[in-house]
Amino acid sequence: MVKPPAHERERSERSRGNESASRVTLFEDESVVMTARPSLISTLPKLIVTLGLYELWRRRNTTILTNRRILFGAGIFQRTEQSIPLSNVNDVVFIRRGVNCYAQVAGTHRGRNSMKEIGPLSASVCRRFVGELLKRT
């Protein structure tokens, strides 16, 4: 059987109750495992100072874990998106700093070692993210 070209295999999928994953283009055999975004508690001071406008940025700063890769997205007007295949992930670390938790992902990107910090997240979301990522790498 002949596989269709990559651009025909891609599809846009709306995840169950997950509005941030609705705009993500996934491959045919790919599914969203979980979505992480900065916790509301850690961004509360910024929300108060900006009278709630910071919530727009918080919602657009997402990390999506699929069964094949990690997708990072940040920004509203100047959007930056990055995709790291799970095969390039070398290590993941759970870090707790006060009430904030972070997941540090170490991997290779274009032949170089890189470190990506995801957070601040709530402790439960961060532990779940690290656990799901460790299961898949």
Protein backbone atom coordinates (compact mmCIF):
# COMPACT_ATOMS: atom_id res chain seq x y z
CA MET A 1 0.00 0.00 0.00
CA VAL A 2 1.33 3.46 -0.94
CA LYS A 3 1.29 6.15 1.75
CA PRO A 4 -0.09 9.56 0.78
CA PRO A 5 2.32 12.54 0.86
CA ALA A 6 2.97 14.18 4.24
CA HIS A 7 0.87 17.25 3.46
CA GLU A 8 -2.14 15.01 2.77
CA ARG A 9 -1.57 12.97 5.96
CA GLU A 10 -1.74 16.07 8.16
CA ARG A 11 -5.03 16.97 9.72
CA SER A 12 -6.39 19.46 12.18
CA GLU A 13 -7.92 17.78 15.19
CA ARG A 14 -10.09 19.20 17.97
CA SER A 15 -9.13 17.56 21.23
CA ARG A 16 -11.81 16.57 23.73
CA GLY A 17 -12.54 19.77 25.69
CA ASN A 18 -9.13 21.21 24.90
CA GLU A 19 -9.44 24.50 23.04
CA SER A 20 -5.68 25.16 22.85
CA ALA A 21 -5.08 21.95 20.92
CA SER A 22 -7.82 22.73 18.41
CA ARG A 23 -5.50 24.76 16.16
CA VAL A 24 -2.69 22.23 16.13
CA THR A 25 -2.04 20.31 12.94
CA LEU A 26 -1.43 16.68 13.74
CA PHE A 27 -0.23 13.80 11.62
CA GLU A 28 -2.54 10.91 10.76
CA ASP A 29 -1.40 8.57 13.54
CA GLU A 30 -0.79 11.33 16.13
CA SER A 31 -2.96 12.22 19.12
CA VAL A 32 -2.77 14.82 21.90
CA VAL A 33 -1.76 13.32 25.26
CA MET A 34 -1.95 16.50 27.36
CA THR A 35 -1.67 20.27 27.28
CA ALA A 36 0.20 22.39 29.84
CA ARG A 37 0.05 26.15 30.31
CA PRO A 38 1.32 28.46 33.08
CA SER A 39 -0.63 28.07 36.32
CA LEU A 40 -3.13 30.70 37.33
CA ILE A 41 -1.70 31.02 40.85
CA SER A 42 1.83 31.82 39.65
CA THR A 43 0.62 34.44 37.17
CA LEU A 44 -1.89 36.05 39.56
CA PRO A 45 0.27 39.14 40.31
CA LYS A 46 0.66 39.82 36.57
CA LEU A 47 -3.06 39.35 36.07
CA ILE A 48 -3.84 41.90 38.79
CA VAL A 49 -1.36 44.50 37.52
CA THR A 50 -2.60 44.21 33.92
CA LEU A 51 -6.27 44.09 34.96
CA GLY A 52 -6.67 40.63 33.47
CA LEU A 53 -5.08 41.29 30.06
CA TYR A 54 -2.19 38.96 30.92
CA GLU A 55 -4.68 36.08 30.64
CA LEU A 56 -4.56 36.41 26.84
CA TRP A 57 -0.81 35.74 26.86
CA ARG A 58 -1.14 32.96 29.47
CA ARG A 59 -3.61 31.08 27.28
CA ARG A 60 -1.39 31.39 24.21
CA ASN A 61 1.71 30.13 26.06
CA THR A 62 1.07 26.41 25.70
CA THR A 63 3.01 23.19 25.60
CA ILE A 64 1.29 20.24 23.95
CA LEU A 65 2.52 16.69 24.38
CA THR A 66 1.47 14.24 21.67
CA ASN A 67 2.36 10.61 21.25
CA ARG A 68 5.10 11.63 18.74
CA ARG A 69 6.43 15.08 19.74
CA ILE A 70 6.34 18.08 22.06
CA LEU A 71 4.90 21.31 20.65
CA PHE A 72 5.87 24.63 22.23
CA GLY A 73 3.93 27.79 21.42
CA ALA A 74 4.28 31.29 22.86
CA GLY A 75 3.17 34.79 21.98
CA ILE A 76 0.15 36.58 20.62
CA PHE A 77 1.32 39.06 17.99
CA GLN A 78 4.76 37.55 17.43
CA ARG A 79 4.02 33.83 17.72
CA THR A 80 6.86 31.35 18.14
CA GLU A 81 6.21 27.64 17.71
CA GLN A 82 8.66 24.77 18.01
CA SER A 83 8.26 21.03 17.63
CA ILE A 84 10.63 18.49 19.17
CA PRO A 85 10.26 14.80 18.26
CA LEU A 86 10.20 12.51 21.29
CA SER A 87 13.13 10.60 19.80
CA ASN A 88 15.28 13.74 20.35
CA VAL A 89 14.40 14.04 24.07
CA ASN A 90 17.28 12.86 26.25
CA ASP A 91 16.05 13.68 29.75
CA VAL A 92 13.26 15.42 31.64
CA VAL A 93 13.54 16.88 35.14
CA PHE A 94 10.85 18.01 37.63
CA ILE A 95 11.88 21.19 39.49
CA ARG A 96 9.98 22.84 42.32
CA ARG A 97 10.70 26.47 43.27
CA GLY A 98 8.32 27.56 46.03
CA VAL A 99 4.77 27.18 44.74
CA ASN A 100 5.93 27.03 41.12
CA CYS A 101 6.98 23.85 39.33
CA TYR A 102 8.92 23.51 36.11
CA ALA A 103 9.71 20.68 33.73
CA GLN A 104 13.13 20.91 32.13
CA VAL A 105 13.42 18.98 28.88
CA ALA A 106 16.94 18.18 27.64
CA GLY A 107 17.31 17.10 24.07
CA THR A 108 19.12 17.53 20.80
CA HIS A 109 18.08 20.13 18.27
CA ARG A 110 19.94 20.26 14.95
CA GLY A 111 22.85 18.32 16.38
CA ARG A 112 23.25 20.49 19.48
CA ASN A 113 22.19 19.81 23.04
CA SER A 114 19.46 22.16 24.24
CA MET A 115 17.46 22.70 27.41
CA LYS A 116 13.85 23.89 27.37
CA GLU A 117 12.06 24.92 30.58
CA ILE A 118 8.28 24.52 30.71
CA GLY A 119 6.44 26.45 33.36
CA PRO A 120 5.56 27.77 35.84
CA LEU A 121 3.04 24.96 36.19
CA SER A 122 0.98 23.67 39.06
CA ALA A 123 2.59 20.72 40.85
CA SER A 124 -0.01 18.18 39.67
CA VAL A 125 0.17 19.26 36.02
CA CYS A 126 3.96 19.29 36.08
CA ARG A 127 4.22 15.83 37.63
CA ARG A 128 1.74 14.45 35.13
CA PHE A 129 3.58 16.09 32.22
CA VAL A 130 6.94 14.70 33.36
CA GLY A 131 5.41 11.25 33.93
CA GLU A 132 3.74 11.13 30.52
CA LEU A 133 6.93 12.30 28.84
CA LEU A 134 9.06 9.71 30.63
CA LYS A 135 6.62 6.95 29.59
CA ARG A 136 7.02 7.89 25.96
CA THR A 137 10.80 8.39 25.74
